C-alpha atoms as a PDB file:
ATOM      1  CA  MET A   1     110.059 102.546 204.640  1.00  0.00           C
ATOM      2  CA  GLU A   2     106.514 101.994 205.841  1.00  0.00           C
ATOM      3  CA  PHE A   3     103.461 103.075 203.838  1.00  0.00           C
ATOM      4  CA  ILE A   4      99.831 103.964 204.414  1.00  0.00           C
ATOM      5  CA  THR A   5      96.799 103.807 202.156  1.00  0.00           C
ATOM      6  CA  ILE A   6      94.736 106.866 201.201  1.00  0.00           C
ATOM      7  CA  ASP A   7      91.469 106.183 199.421  1.00  0.00           C
ATOM      8  CA  GLY A   8      91.618 107.394 195.840  1.00  0.00           C
ATOM      9  CA  ALA A   9      95.366 107.855 195.592  1.00  0.00           C
ATOM     10  CA  GLY A  10      95.937 104.658 193.645  1.00  0.00           C
ATOM     11  CA  LYS A  11      99.374 104.133 195.184  1.00  0.00           C
ATOM     12  CA  GLN A  12     100.772 103.508 198.645  1.00  0.00           C
ATOM     13  CA  ILE A  13     101.936 106.645 200.465  1.00  0.00           C
ATOM     14  CA  SER A  14     105.330 106.622 202.202  1.00  0.00           C
ATOM     15  CA  ARG A  15     105.251 107.548 205.887  1.00  0.00           C
ATOM     16  CA  LEU A  16     107.955 110.138 205.193  1.00  0.00           C
ATOM     17  CA  ILE A  17     106.938 112.774 202.638  1.00  0.00           C
ATOM     18  CA  LYS A  18     109.644 114.892 201.024  1.00  0.00           C
ATOM     19  CA  GLY A  19     109.161 118.629 201.360  1.00  0.00           C
ATOM     20  CA  THR A  20     110.136 120.782 198.354  1.00  0.00           C
ATOM     21  CA  ASP A  21     109.607 124.362 199.514  1.00  0.00           C
ATOM     22  CA  TYR A  22     113.242 125.098 198.655  1.00  0.00           C
ATOM     23  CA  PHE A  23     113.311 123.667 195.116  1.00  0.00           C
ATOM     24  CA  VAL A  24     114.436 126.476 192.805  1.00  0.00           C
ATOM     25  CA  HIS A  25     115.956 126.465 189.335  1.00  0.00           C
ATOM     26  CA  ASP A  26     119.258 127.934 190.518  1.00  0.00           C
ATOM     27  CA  ALA A  27     119.740 124.977 192.871  1.00  0.00           C
ATOM     28  CA  TYR A  28     118.384 122.258 190.604  1.00  0.00           C
ATOM     29  CA  GLU A  29     121.270 119.842 191.188  1.00  0.00           C
ATOM     30  CA  LYS A  30     120.745 119.992 194.947  1.00  0.00           C
ATOM     31  CA  ALA A  31     117.027 119.320 194.546  1.00  0.00           C
ATOM     32  CA  ALA A  32     117.665 116.413 192.175  1.00  0.00           C
ATOM     33  CA  ALA A  33     120.257 114.892 194.502  1.00  0.00           C
ATOM     34  CA  ASN A  34     117.870 115.227 197.449  1.00  0.00           C
ATOM     35  CA  MET A  35     115.124 113.501 195.464  1.00  0.00           C
ATOM     36  CA  ASP A  36     117.471 110.685 194.414  1.00  0.00           C
ATOM     37  CA  ALA A  37     118.475 110.139 198.042  1.00  0.00           C
ATOM     38  CA  PHE A  38     114.857 110.159 199.220  1.00  0.00           C
ATOM     39  CA  LEU A  39     113.801 107.572 196.665  1.00  0.00           C
ATOM     40  CA  ALA A  40     116.868 105.486 197.574  1.00  0.00           C
ATOM     41  CA  ILE A  41     115.670 105.040 201.181  1.00  0.00           C
ATOM     42  CA  GLY A  42     112.280 103.878 199.940  1.00  0.00           C
ATOM     43  CA  GLY A  43     110.299 107.115 200.045  1.00  0.00           C
ATOM     44  CA  ASN A  44     107.934 107.849 197.189  1.00  0.00           C
ATOM     45  CA  THR A  45     105.701 110.785 198.171  1.00  0.00           C
ATOM     46  CA  VAL A  46     106.589 114.422 197.551  1.00  0.00           C
ATOM     47  CA  ASP A  47     104.877 117.543 198.889  1.00  0.00           C
ATOM     48  CA  THR A  48     104.670 120.708 196.828  1.00  0.00           C
ATOM     49  CA  ALA A  49     102.194 123.541 196.232  1.00  0.00           C
ATOM     50  CA  HIS A  50     101.117 126.091 193.657  1.00  0.00           C
ATOM     51  CA  ILE A  51     102.651 128.930 195.703  1.00  0.00           C
ATOM     52  CA  TYR A  52     105.947 127.293 196.722  1.00  0.00           C
ATOM     53  CA  CYS A  53     108.930 129.297 195.530  1.00  0.00           C
ATOM     54  CA  GLY A  54     106.708 131.246 193.175  1.00  0.00           C
ATOM     55  CA  GLY A  55     105.961 128.083 191.194  1.00  0.00           C
ATOM     56  CA  GLN A  56     109.576 126.946 190.934  1.00  0.00           C
ATOM     57  CA  SER A  57     109.046 124.041 193.338  1.00  0.00           C
ATOM     58  CA  GLU A  58     106.582 122.358 190.981  1.00  0.00           C
ATOM     59  CA  GLU A  59     108.642 123.252 187.916  1.00  0.00           C
ATOM     60  CA  VAL A  60     111.822 121.751 189.374  1.00  0.00           C
ATOM     61  CA  LEU A  61     109.987 118.604 190.415  1.00  0.00           C
ATOM     62  CA  GLY A  62     108.500 118.328 186.930  1.00  0.00           C
ATOM     63  CA  ARG A  63     111.914 118.713 185.319  1.00  0.00           C
ATOM     64  CA  TYR A  64     113.383 116.115 187.685  1.00  0.00           C
ATOM     65  CA  MET A  65     110.727 113.497 186.896  1.00  0.00           C
ATOM     66  CA  GLN A  66     111.024 114.195 183.162  1.00  0.00           C
ATOM     67  CA  GLU A  67     114.816 113.861 183.159  1.00  0.00           C
ATOM     68  CA  ARG A  68     114.824 110.747 185.346  1.00  0.00           C
ATOM     69  CA  GLY A  69     111.831 109.186 183.603  1.00  0.00           C
ATOM     70  CA  ASN A  70     110.438 108.189 186.983  1.00  0.00           C
ATOM     71  CA  ARG A  71     107.003 109.831 187.171  1.00  0.00           C
ATOM     72  CA  ASP A  72     105.443 106.418 187.864  1.00  0.00           C
ATOM     73  CA  GLN A  73     107.653 106.021 190.957  1.00  0.00           C
ATOM     74  CA  VAL A  74     106.567 109.319 192.527  1.00  0.00           C
ATOM     75  CA  VAL A  75     103.375 110.146 194.403  1.00  0.00           C
ATOM     76  CA  ILE A  76     102.664 113.865 194.097  1.00  0.00           C
ATOM     77  CA  LEU A  77     100.886 115.854 196.767  1.00  0.00           C
ATOM     78  CA  THR A  78     100.279 119.391 195.591  1.00  0.00           C
ATOM     79  CA  LYS A  79      98.064 122.119 196.987  1.00  0.00           C
ATOM     80  CA  GLY A  80      96.120 125.045 195.594  1.00  0.00           C
ATOM     81  CA  ALA A  81      93.536 127.759 196.314  1.00  0.00           C
ATOM     82  CA  HIS A  82      95.832 129.581 198.726  1.00  0.00           C
ATOM     83  CA  HIS A  83      94.731 133.118 199.499  1.00  0.00           C
ATOM     84  CA  ASP A  84      96.380 136.080 197.760  1.00  0.00           C
ATOM     85  CA  MET A  85      96.686 139.788 198.531  1.00  0.00           C
ATOM     86  CA  ASN A  86      92.961 140.173 197.907  1.00  0.00           C
ATOM     87  CA  GLY A  87      91.929 137.509 200.397  1.00  0.00           C
ATOM     88  CA  PRO A  88      90.603 133.914 200.273  1.00  0.00           C
ATOM     89  CA  ARG A  89      90.469 132.033 196.955  1.00  0.00           C
ATOM     90  CA  VAL A  90      88.683 128.808 197.871  1.00  0.00           C
ATOM     91  CA  ASN A  91      86.356 128.718 194.885  1.00  0.00           C
ATOM     92  CA  ALA A  92      85.852 126.740 191.705  1.00  0.00           C
ATOM     93  CA  ASP A  93      87.696 129.177 189.438  1.00  0.00           C
ATOM     94  CA  ALA A  94      90.775 129.366 191.655  1.00  0.00           C
ATOM     95  CA  ILE A  95      90.871 125.600 192.152  1.00  0.00           C
ATOM     96  CA  ARG A  96      90.695 125.011 188.385  1.00  0.00           C
ATOM     97  CA  SER A  97      93.277 127.670 187.556  1.00  0.00           C
ATOM     98  CA  ASP A  98      95.770 126.544 190.201  1.00  0.00           C
ATOM     99  CA  LEU A  99      95.358 122.862 189.352  1.00  0.00           C
ATOM    100  CA  LEU A 100      95.913 123.387 185.635  1.00  0.00           C
ATOM    101  CA  ASP A 101      98.977 125.537 186.365  1.00  0.00           C
ATOM    102  CA  SER A 102     100.345 122.847 188.686  1.00  0.00           C
ATOM    103  CA  LEU A 103      99.867 120.041 186.167  1.00  0.00           C
ATOM    104  CA  GLU A 104     101.650 122.047 183.473  1.00  0.00           C
ATOM    105  CA  ARG A 105     104.566 122.840 185.767  1.00  0.00           C
ATOM    106  CA  LEU A 106     104.795 119.241 186.969  1.00  0.00           C
ATOM    107  CA  GLN A 107     104.679 117.961 183.369  1.00  0.00           C
ATOM    108  CA  THR A 108     102.007 115.420 184.223  1.00  0.00           C
ATOM    109  CA  ASP A 109      98.318 114.917 183.510  1.00  0.00           C
ATOM    110  CA  HIS A 110      97.319 114.034 187.082  1.00  0.00           C
ATOM    111  CA  VAL A 111      98.342 114.151 190.714  1.00  0.00           C
ATOM    112  CA  GLU A 112      97.663 111.375 193.186  1.00  0.00           C
ATOM    113  CA  LEU A 113      96.906 113.752 196.080  1.00  0.00           C
ATOM    114  CA  TYR A 114      95.423 117.243 195.867  1.00  0.00           C
ATOM    115  CA  ALA A 115      94.763 119.446 198.886  1.00  0.00           C
ATOM    116  CA  LEU A 116      93.220 122.841 199.387  1.00  0.00           C
ATOM    117  CA  HIS A 117      95.990 124.921 200.940  1.00  0.00           C
ATOM    118  CA  ARG A 118      93.626 126.988 203.083  1.00  0.00           C
ATOM    119  CA  ASP A 119      89.940 127.124 203.989  1.00  0.00           C
ATOM    120  CA  ASP A 120      87.348 129.861 203.621  1.00  0.00           C
ATOM    121  CA  PRO A 121      84.615 129.140 206.181  1.00  0.00           C
ATOM    122  CA  ASN A 122      82.334 131.576 204.349  1.00  0.00           C
ATOM    123  CA  ILE A 123      82.091 129.180 201.386  1.00  0.00           C
ATOM    124  CA  PRO A 124      79.656 126.247 201.794  1.00  0.00           C
ATOM    125  CA  VAL A 125      81.394 122.876 201.762  1.00  0.00           C
ATOM    126  CA  GLY A 126      79.082 121.624 199.027  1.00  0.00           C
ATOM    127  CA  VAL A 127      80.302 124.205 196.536  1.00  0.00           C
ATOM    128  CA  ILE A 128      83.912 123.261 197.232  1.00  0.00           C
ATOM    129  CA  LEU A 129      83.364 119.516 197.005  1.00  0.00           C
ATOM    130  CA  GLU A 130      81.409 119.787 193.767  1.00  0.00           C
ATOM    131  CA  ALA A 131      84.287 121.731 192.213  1.00  0.00           C
ATOM    132  CA  LEU A 132      86.879 119.197 193.361  1.00  0.00           C
ATOM    133  CA  ASN A 133      84.796 116.245 192.214  1.00  0.00           C
ATOM    134  CA  GLU A 134      84.775 117.589 188.668  1.00  0.00           C
ATOM    135  CA  HIS A 135      88.545 117.155 188.588  1.00  0.00           C
ATOM    136  CA  ILE A 136      88.387 113.699 190.156  1.00  0.00           C
ATOM    137  CA  GLU A 137      85.947 112.634 187.444  1.00  0.00           C
ATOM    138  CA  SER A 138      88.222 114.047 184.732  1.00  0.00           C
ATOM    139  CA  GLY A 139      91.166 112.029 186.091  1.00  0.00           C
ATOM    140  CA  LYS A 140      93.287 115.023 187.022  1.00  0.00           C
ATOM    141  CA  ILE A 141      93.097 114.263 190.765  1.00  0.00           C
ATOM    142  CA  GLY A 142      93.168 110.967 192.641  1.00  0.00           C
ATOM    143  CA  ALA A 143      92.414 111.728 196.294  1.00  0.00           C
ATOM    144  CA  ILE A 144      91.310 115.073 197.692  1.00  0.00           C
ATOM    145  CA  GLY A 145      92.280 116.458 201.059  1.00  0.00           C
ATOM    146  CA  ALA A 146      92.494 119.660 203.030  1.00  0.00           C
ATOM    147  CA  SER A 147      95.499 121.414 204.474  1.00  0.00           C
ATOM    148  CA  ASN A 148      94.722 123.694 207.420  1.00  0.00           C
ATOM    149  CA  TRP A 149      91.056 122.826 207.799  1.00  0.00           C
ATOM    150  CA  THR A 150      89.540 122.270 211.234  1.00  0.00           C
ATOM    151  CA  TRP A 151      88.185 118.840 212.022  1.00  0.00           C
ATOM    152  CA  GLN A 152      84.706 120.352 212.269  1.00  0.00           C
ATOM    153  CA  ARG A 153      84.850 121.588 208.659  1.00  0.00           C
ATOM    154  CA  LEU A 154      86.266 118.268 207.511  1.00  0.00           C
ATOM    155  CA  GLU A 155      83.418 116.430 209.182  1.00  0.00           C
ATOM    156  CA  GLU A 156      80.875 118.809 207.684  1.00  0.00           C
ATOM    157  CA  ALA A 157      82.377 118.289 204.233  1.00  0.00           C
ATOM    158  CA  ASN A 158      82.437 114.520 204.429  1.00  0.00           C
ATOM    159  CA  THR A 159      78.891 114.393 205.778  1.00  0.00           C
ATOM    160  CA  TYR A 160      77.795 116.463 202.772  1.00  0.00           C
ATOM    161  CA  ALA A 161      79.744 114.244 200.376  1.00  0.00           C
ATOM    162  CA  ALA A 162      78.160 111.074 201.757  1.00  0.00           C
ATOM    163  CA  ALA A 163      74.667 112.572 201.466  1.00  0.00           C
ATOM    164  CA  HIS A 164      75.158 113.771 197.890  1.00  0.00           C
ATOM    165  CA  GLY A 165      77.068 110.916 196.271  1.00  0.00           C
ATOM    166  CA  LEU A 166      80.360 112.823 196.076  1.00  0.00           C
ATOM    167  CA  LYS A 167      83.931 111.881 196.883  1.00  0.00           C
ATOM    168  CA  GLY A 168      84.897 113.376 200.220  1.00  0.00           C
ATOM    169  CA  PHE A 169      88.206 114.285 201.784  1.00  0.00           C
ATOM    170  CA  THR A 170      90.324 111.192 202.406  1.00  0.00           C
ATOM    171  CA  PHE A 171      93.218 112.935 204.140  1.00  0.00           C
ATOM    172  CA  SER A 172      93.991 116.059 206.126  1.00  0.00           C
ATOM    173  CA  SER A 173      97.254 117.984 206.418  1.00  0.00           C
ATOM    174  CA  PRO A 174      97.494 120.252 209.449  1.00  0.00           C
ATOM    175  CA  ASN A 175     100.530 120.852 211.605  1.00  0.00           C
ATOM    176  CA  LEU A 176     101.097 118.076 214.131  1.00  0.00           C
ATOM    177  CA  SER A 177     104.217 117.964 216.246  1.00  0.00           C
ATOM    178  CA  LEU A 178     105.270 117.114 219.775  1.00  0.00           C
ATOM    179  CA  ALA A 179     105.770 120.848 220.395  1.00  0.00           C
ATOM    180  CA  LYS A 180     102.379 122.552 220.554  1.00  0.00           C
ATOM    181  CA  ALA A 181     101.844 125.832 218.719  1.00  0.00           C
ATOM    182  CA  ASN A 182     101.041 128.907 220.816  1.00  0.00           C
ATOM    183  CA  GLU A 183      99.465 130.559 217.781  1.00  0.00           C
ATOM    184  CA  PRO A 184      99.233 129.850 214.030  1.00  0.00           C
ATOM    185  CA  PHE A 185     102.437 129.955 211.967  1.00  0.00           C
ATOM    186  CA  TRP A 186     100.639 132.053 209.364  1.00  0.00           C
ATOM    187  CA  ALA A 187      97.077 133.324 209.091  1.00  0.00           C
ATOM    188  CA  GLY A 188      94.685 130.485 208.405  1.00  0.00           C
ATOM    189  CA  CYS A 189      97.035 127.716 209.509  1.00  0.00           C
ATOM    190  CA  VAL A 190      95.720 124.915 211.705  1.00  0.00           C
ATOM    191  CA  SER A 191      97.623 122.863 214.282  1.00  0.00           C
ATOM    192  CA  ALA A 192      96.175 119.599 215.540  1.00  0.00           C
ATOM    193  CA  ASP A 193      94.945 119.928 219.132  1.00  0.00           C
ATOM    194  CA  ALA A 194      93.604 117.221 221.453  1.00  0.00           C
ATOM    195  CA  GLU A 195      90.119 117.385 219.922  1.00  0.00           C
ATOM    196  CA  THR A 196      91.584 117.032 216.433  1.00  0.00           C
ATOM    197  CA  LEU A 197      93.621 113.993 217.449  1.00  0.00           C
ATOM    198  CA  ALA A 198      90.579 112.399 219.091  1.00  0.00           C
ATOM    199  CA  TRP A 199      88.561 112.964 215.899  1.00  0.00           C
ATOM    200  CA  HIS A 200      91.268 111.398 213.735  1.00  0.00           C
ATOM    201  CA  GLU A 201      91.482 108.436 216.085  1.00  0.00           C
ATOM    202  CA  ARG A 202      87.720 108.009 215.863  1.00  0.00           C
ATOM    203  CA  THR A 203      87.482 108.368 212.073  1.00  0.00           C
ATOM    204  CA  LYS A 204      90.914 106.939 211.140  1.00  0.00           C
ATOM    205  CA  LEU A 205      91.279 109.694 208.525  1.00  0.00           C
ATOM    206  CA  PRO A 206      94.973 109.854 207.566  1.00  0.00           C
ATOM    207  CA  LEU A 207      96.866 112.930 208.756  1.00  0.00           C
ATOM    208  CA  LEU A 208      99.877 114.238 206.824  1.00  0.00           C
ATOM    209  CA  SER A 209     101.711 116.558 209.191  1.00  0.00           C
ATOM    210  CA  TRP A 210     103.612 119.648 208.072  1.00  0.00           C
ATOM    211  CA  SER A 211     106.338 121.015 210.392  1.00  0.00           C
ATOM    212  CA  SER A 212     106.308 117.546 211.898  1.00  0.00           C
ATOM    213  CA  GLN A 213     109.589 118.224 213.727  1.00  0.00           C
ATOM    214  CA  ALA A 214     108.553 121.691 214.924  1.00  0.00           C
ATOM    215  CA  ARG A 215     111.002 123.522 212.669  1.00  0.00           C
ATOM    216  CA  GLY A 216     114.041 122.234 214.553  1.00  0.00           C
ATOM    217  CA  PHE A 217     112.787 122.885 218.090  1.00  0.00           C
ATOM    218  CA  PHE A 218     114.100 119.473 219.209  1.00  0.00           C
ATOM    219  CA  THR A 219     117.564 119.725 217.630  1.00  0.00           C
ATOM    220  CA  GLY A 220     119.205 121.082 220.790  1.00  0.00           C
ATOM    221  CA  ARG A 221     119.968 124.442 219.180  1.00  0.00           C
ATOM    222  CA  PHE A 222     117.285 126.254 221.158  1.00  0.00           C
ATOM    223  CA  THR A 223     116.887 127.160 224.828  1.00  0.00           C
ATOM    224  CA  PRO A 224     114.664 129.714 226.572  1.00  0.00           C
ATOM    225  CA  GLU A 225     117.576 132.155 226.382  1.00  0.00           C
ATOM    226  CA  VAL A 226     118.219 131.718 222.646  1.00  0.00           C
ATOM    227  CA  ARG A 227     115.712 134.040 221.003  1.00  0.00           C
ATOM    228  CA  ASP A 228     117.217 134.794 217.595  1.00  0.00           C
ATOM    229  CA  ASN A 229     114.469 132.966 215.678  1.00  0.00           C
ATOM    230  CA  ALA A 230     111.431 135.196 216.103  1.00  0.00           C
ATOM    231  CA  ASP A 231     108.975 132.759 214.511  1.00  0.00           C
ATOM    232  CA  LEU A 232     110.117 129.868 216.671  1.00  0.00           C
ATOM    233  CA  VAL A 233     109.888 132.034 219.787  1.00  0.00           C
ATOM    234  CA  ARG A 234     106.399 133.192 218.841  1.00  0.00           C
ATOM    235  CA  VAL A 235     105.024 129.780 217.945  1.00  0.00           C
ATOM    236  CA  PHE A 236     106.829 127.252 220.139  1.00  0.00           C
ATOM    237  CA  TYR A 237     108.451 128.911 223.152  1.00  0.00           C
ATOM    238  CA  SER A 238     106.377 127.933 226.182  1.00  0.00           C
ATOM    239  CA  ASP A 239     106.874 126.215 229.523  1.00  0.00           C
ATOM    240  CA  GLY A 240     104.944 123.207 228.283  1.00  0.00           C
ATOM    241  CA  ASN A 241     107.136 122.788 225.226  1.00  0.00           C
ATOM    242  CA  TRP A 242     110.352 123.099 227.223  1.00  0.00           C
ATOM    243  CA  GLU A 243     109.058 120.268 229.393  1.00  0.00           C
ATOM    244  CA  ARG A 244     108.198 118.235 226.267  1.00  0.00           C
ATOM    245  CA  LEU A 245     111.750 118.816 225.028  1.00  0.00           C
ATOM    246  CA  HIS A 246     113.134 117.706 228.399  1.00  0.00           C
ATOM    247  CA  ARG A 247     111.074 114.523 228.270  1.00  0.00           C
ATOM    248  CA  ALA A 248     112.105 113.864 224.663  1.00  0.00           C
ATOM    249  CA  GLU A 249     115.733 114.173 225.766  1.00  0.00           C
ATOM    250  CA  GLN A 250     115.186 111.685 228.587  1.00  0.00           C
ATOM    251  CA  LEU A 251     113.438 109.156 226.362  1.00  0.00           C
ATOM    252  CA  ALA A 252     116.056 109.596 223.639  1.00  0.00           C
ATOM    253  CA  GLU A 253     118.810 108.773 226.126  1.00  0.00           C
ATOM    254  CA  LEU A 254     117.015 105.627 227.228  1.00  0.00           C
ATOM    255  CA  LYS A 255     116.348 104.524 223.648  1.00  0.00           C
ATOM    256  CA  LYS A 256     119.828 105.525 222.453  1.00  0.00           C
ATOM    257  CA  THR A 257     118.546 107.929 219.844  1.00  0.00           C
ATOM    258  CA  SER A 258     118.109 111.712 219.546  1.00  0.00           C
ATOM    259  CA  PRO A 259     115.337 114.061 220.765  1.00  0.00           C
ATOM    260  CA  ILE A 260     114.419 115.126 217.233  1.00  0.00           C
ATOM    261  CA  GLN A 261     114.004 111.473 216.243  1.00  0.00           C
ATOM    262  CA  ILE A 262     111.731 110.992 219.266  1.00  0.00           C
ATOM    263  CA  ALA A 263     109.737 114.022 218.115  1.00  0.00           C
ATOM    264  CA  LEU A 264     109.335 112.480 214.648  1.00  0.00           C
ATOM    265  CA  ALA A 265     108.364 109.139 216.184  1.00  0.00           C
ATOM    266  CA  TYR A 266     105.673 110.938 218.206  1.00  0.00           C
ATOM    267  CA  VAL A 267     103.966 111.971 214.948  1.00  0.00           C
ATOM    268  CA  LEU A 268     104.329 108.556 213.324  1.00  0.00           C
ATOM    269  CA  ASN A 269     103.096 106.512 216.294  1.00  0.00           C
ATOM    270  CA  GLN A 270      99.661 108.078 216.660  1.00  0.00           C
ATOM    271  CA  PRO A 271      96.723 105.610 216.902  1.00  0.00           C
ATOM    272  CA  PHE A 272      95.584 106.458 213.375  1.00  0.00           C
ATOM    273  CA  PRO A 273      97.378 106.653 209.995  1.00  0.00           C
ATOM    274  CA  THR A 274      99.951 109.439 209.858  1.00  0.00           C
ATOM    275  CA  CYS A 275     102.738 110.641 207.612  1.00  0.00           C
ATOM    276  CA  ALA A 276     105.356 113.293 208.319  1.00  0.00           C
ATOM    277  CA  LEU A 277     106.388 115.977 205.857  1.00  0.00           C
ATOM    278  CA  ILE A 278     110.126 116.386 206.305  1.00  0.00           C
ATOM    279  CA  GLY A 279     112.443 119.186 205.266  1.00  0.00           C
ATOM    280  CA  ALA A 280     115.668 117.173 205.094  1.00  0.00           C
ATOM    281  CA  GLN A 281     118.110 118.902 202.729  1.00  0.00           C
ATOM    282  CA  ASN A 282     121.193 116.726 203.148  1.00  0.00           C
ATOM    283  CA  GLN A 283     122.109 113.092 203.653  1.00  0.00           C
ATOM    284  CA  ALA A 284     122.588 113.349 207.420  1.00  0.00           C
ATOM    285  CA  GLU A 285     119.161 114.938 207.944  1.00  0.00           C
ATOM    286  CA  LEU A 286     117.519 112.396 205.658  1.00  0.00           C
ATOM    287  CA  LEU A 287     119.100 109.427 207.433  1.00  0.00           C
ATOM    288  CA  SER A 288     118.090 110.896 210.799  1.00  0.00           C
ATOM    289  CA  CYS A 289     114.475 111.045 209.600  1.00  0.00           C
ATOM    290  CA  ASP A 290     114.683 107.505 208.238  1.00  0.00           C
ATOM    291  CA  GLU A 291     115.972 106.224 211.582  1.00  0.00           C
ATOM    292  CA  GLY A 292     113.356 108.211 213.493  1.00  0.00           C
ATOM    293  CA  SER A 293     110.580 106.724 211.381  1.00  0.00           C
ATOM    294  CA  ARG A 294     111.558 103.262 212.617  1.00  0.00           C
ATOM    295  CA  ILE A 295     111.172 104.050 216.331  1.00  0.00           C
ATOM    296  CA  THR A 296     108.166 102.503 218.060  1.00  0.00           C
ATOM    297  CA  LEU A 297     106.520 104.396 220.919  1.00  0.00           C
ATOM    298  CA  THR A 298     103.852 102.980 223.208  1.00  0.00           C
ATOM    299  CA  ARG A 299     100.625 104.800 224.043  1.00  0.00           C
ATOM    300  CA  GLU A 300     102.050 105.384 227.525  1.00  0.00           C
ATOM    301  CA  GLU A 301     105.181 106.969 226.056  1.00  0.00           C
ATOM    302  CA  LEU A 302     103.121 109.184 223.780  1.00  0.00           C
ATOM    303  CA  ASP A 303     100.989 110.377 226.684  1.00  0.00           C
ATOM    304  CA  TRP A 304     104.022 111.051 228.864  1.00  0.00           C
ATOM    305  CA  LEU A 305     105.841 112.968 226.133  1.00  0.00           C
ATOM    306  CA  ASP A 306     102.754 115.110 225.597  1.00  0.00           C
ATOM    307  CA  LEU A 307     102.401 115.846 229.325  1.00  0.00           C
ATOM    308  CA  GLY A 308      99.319 113.671 229.623  1.00  0.00           C
ATOM    309  CA  SER A 309     100.908 111.687 232.424  1.00  0.00           C
ATOM    310  CA  ASP A 310     103.581 112.306 235.054  1.00  0.00           C
ATOM    311  CA  VAL A 311     104.443 108.626 235.274  1.00  0.00           C
ATOM    312  CA  LYS A 312     107.604 108.044 233.287  1.00  0.00           C
ATOM    313  CA  PRO A 313     107.182 104.858 231.218  1.00  0.00           C
ATOM    314  CA  ALA A 314     109.604 102.014 231.700  1.00  0.00           C
ATOM    315  CA  VAL A 315     111.789 101.353 228.681  1.00  0.00           C
ATOM    316  CA  VAL A 316     112.406  97.682 228.005  1.00  0.00           C
END
């Protein structure tokens, strides 16, 4: 397993990050077995959130670490300040409340990585950063980041932090996948476009991608005629993405691998630090992700896969 460094985290971050948005008490043994398997292949970073499974995701992860006695082996990424039925909640009170809830559920006194789950562009970045920095200073948070923030807001925030002696965002977590989103998955979600990728390449800010494998778009289960998954149709069905799938299939054949592993490799071979949040729920899926994380793609292959070039790269 390869790792990246995120300023403030205090530990190395595995390139594959285990998703837990299915961890529930009634399926604790499955969750624990999945965690054991993930750690066994060298992974160490786990993604959860205050809202996942109504709080059960964090509670199950907390129980697992307590029973295994392995908190020191796990890097926790959790997220808070998600909107509710009344609207946005990106404010100091919500951040504090969600963070304290998360720490109690996780049975720990700190998390290495903490991200705001959504943005509220109506709130000045300074107010948000000052609130987060209080929790960094208290030791409850290592590194702060933003999930579903635009690169413009990230830049504004980090410019403010630098000017006011505050810790800024040291990672971002939007959607990045070989398949490009036609529209947001959910309100307030952000997918990395060409401008976002160029900004990350320029700044080298680490990107932790959710839906890194486009929710199974590259598994071979989907064609333009198969329309039983309304969300996938809405977000990913497009002529451009069918061509990206076709090119992933061609490159997979040449490299003797699978299209979904090529799609994962696309995320992990960007010219700046990246990690991929994965939803593997069994051994076969986990091993597929592990193998995909080891594939090297050239800049020419990346451009061709993403329709930036019509010249098919030669595979040596």
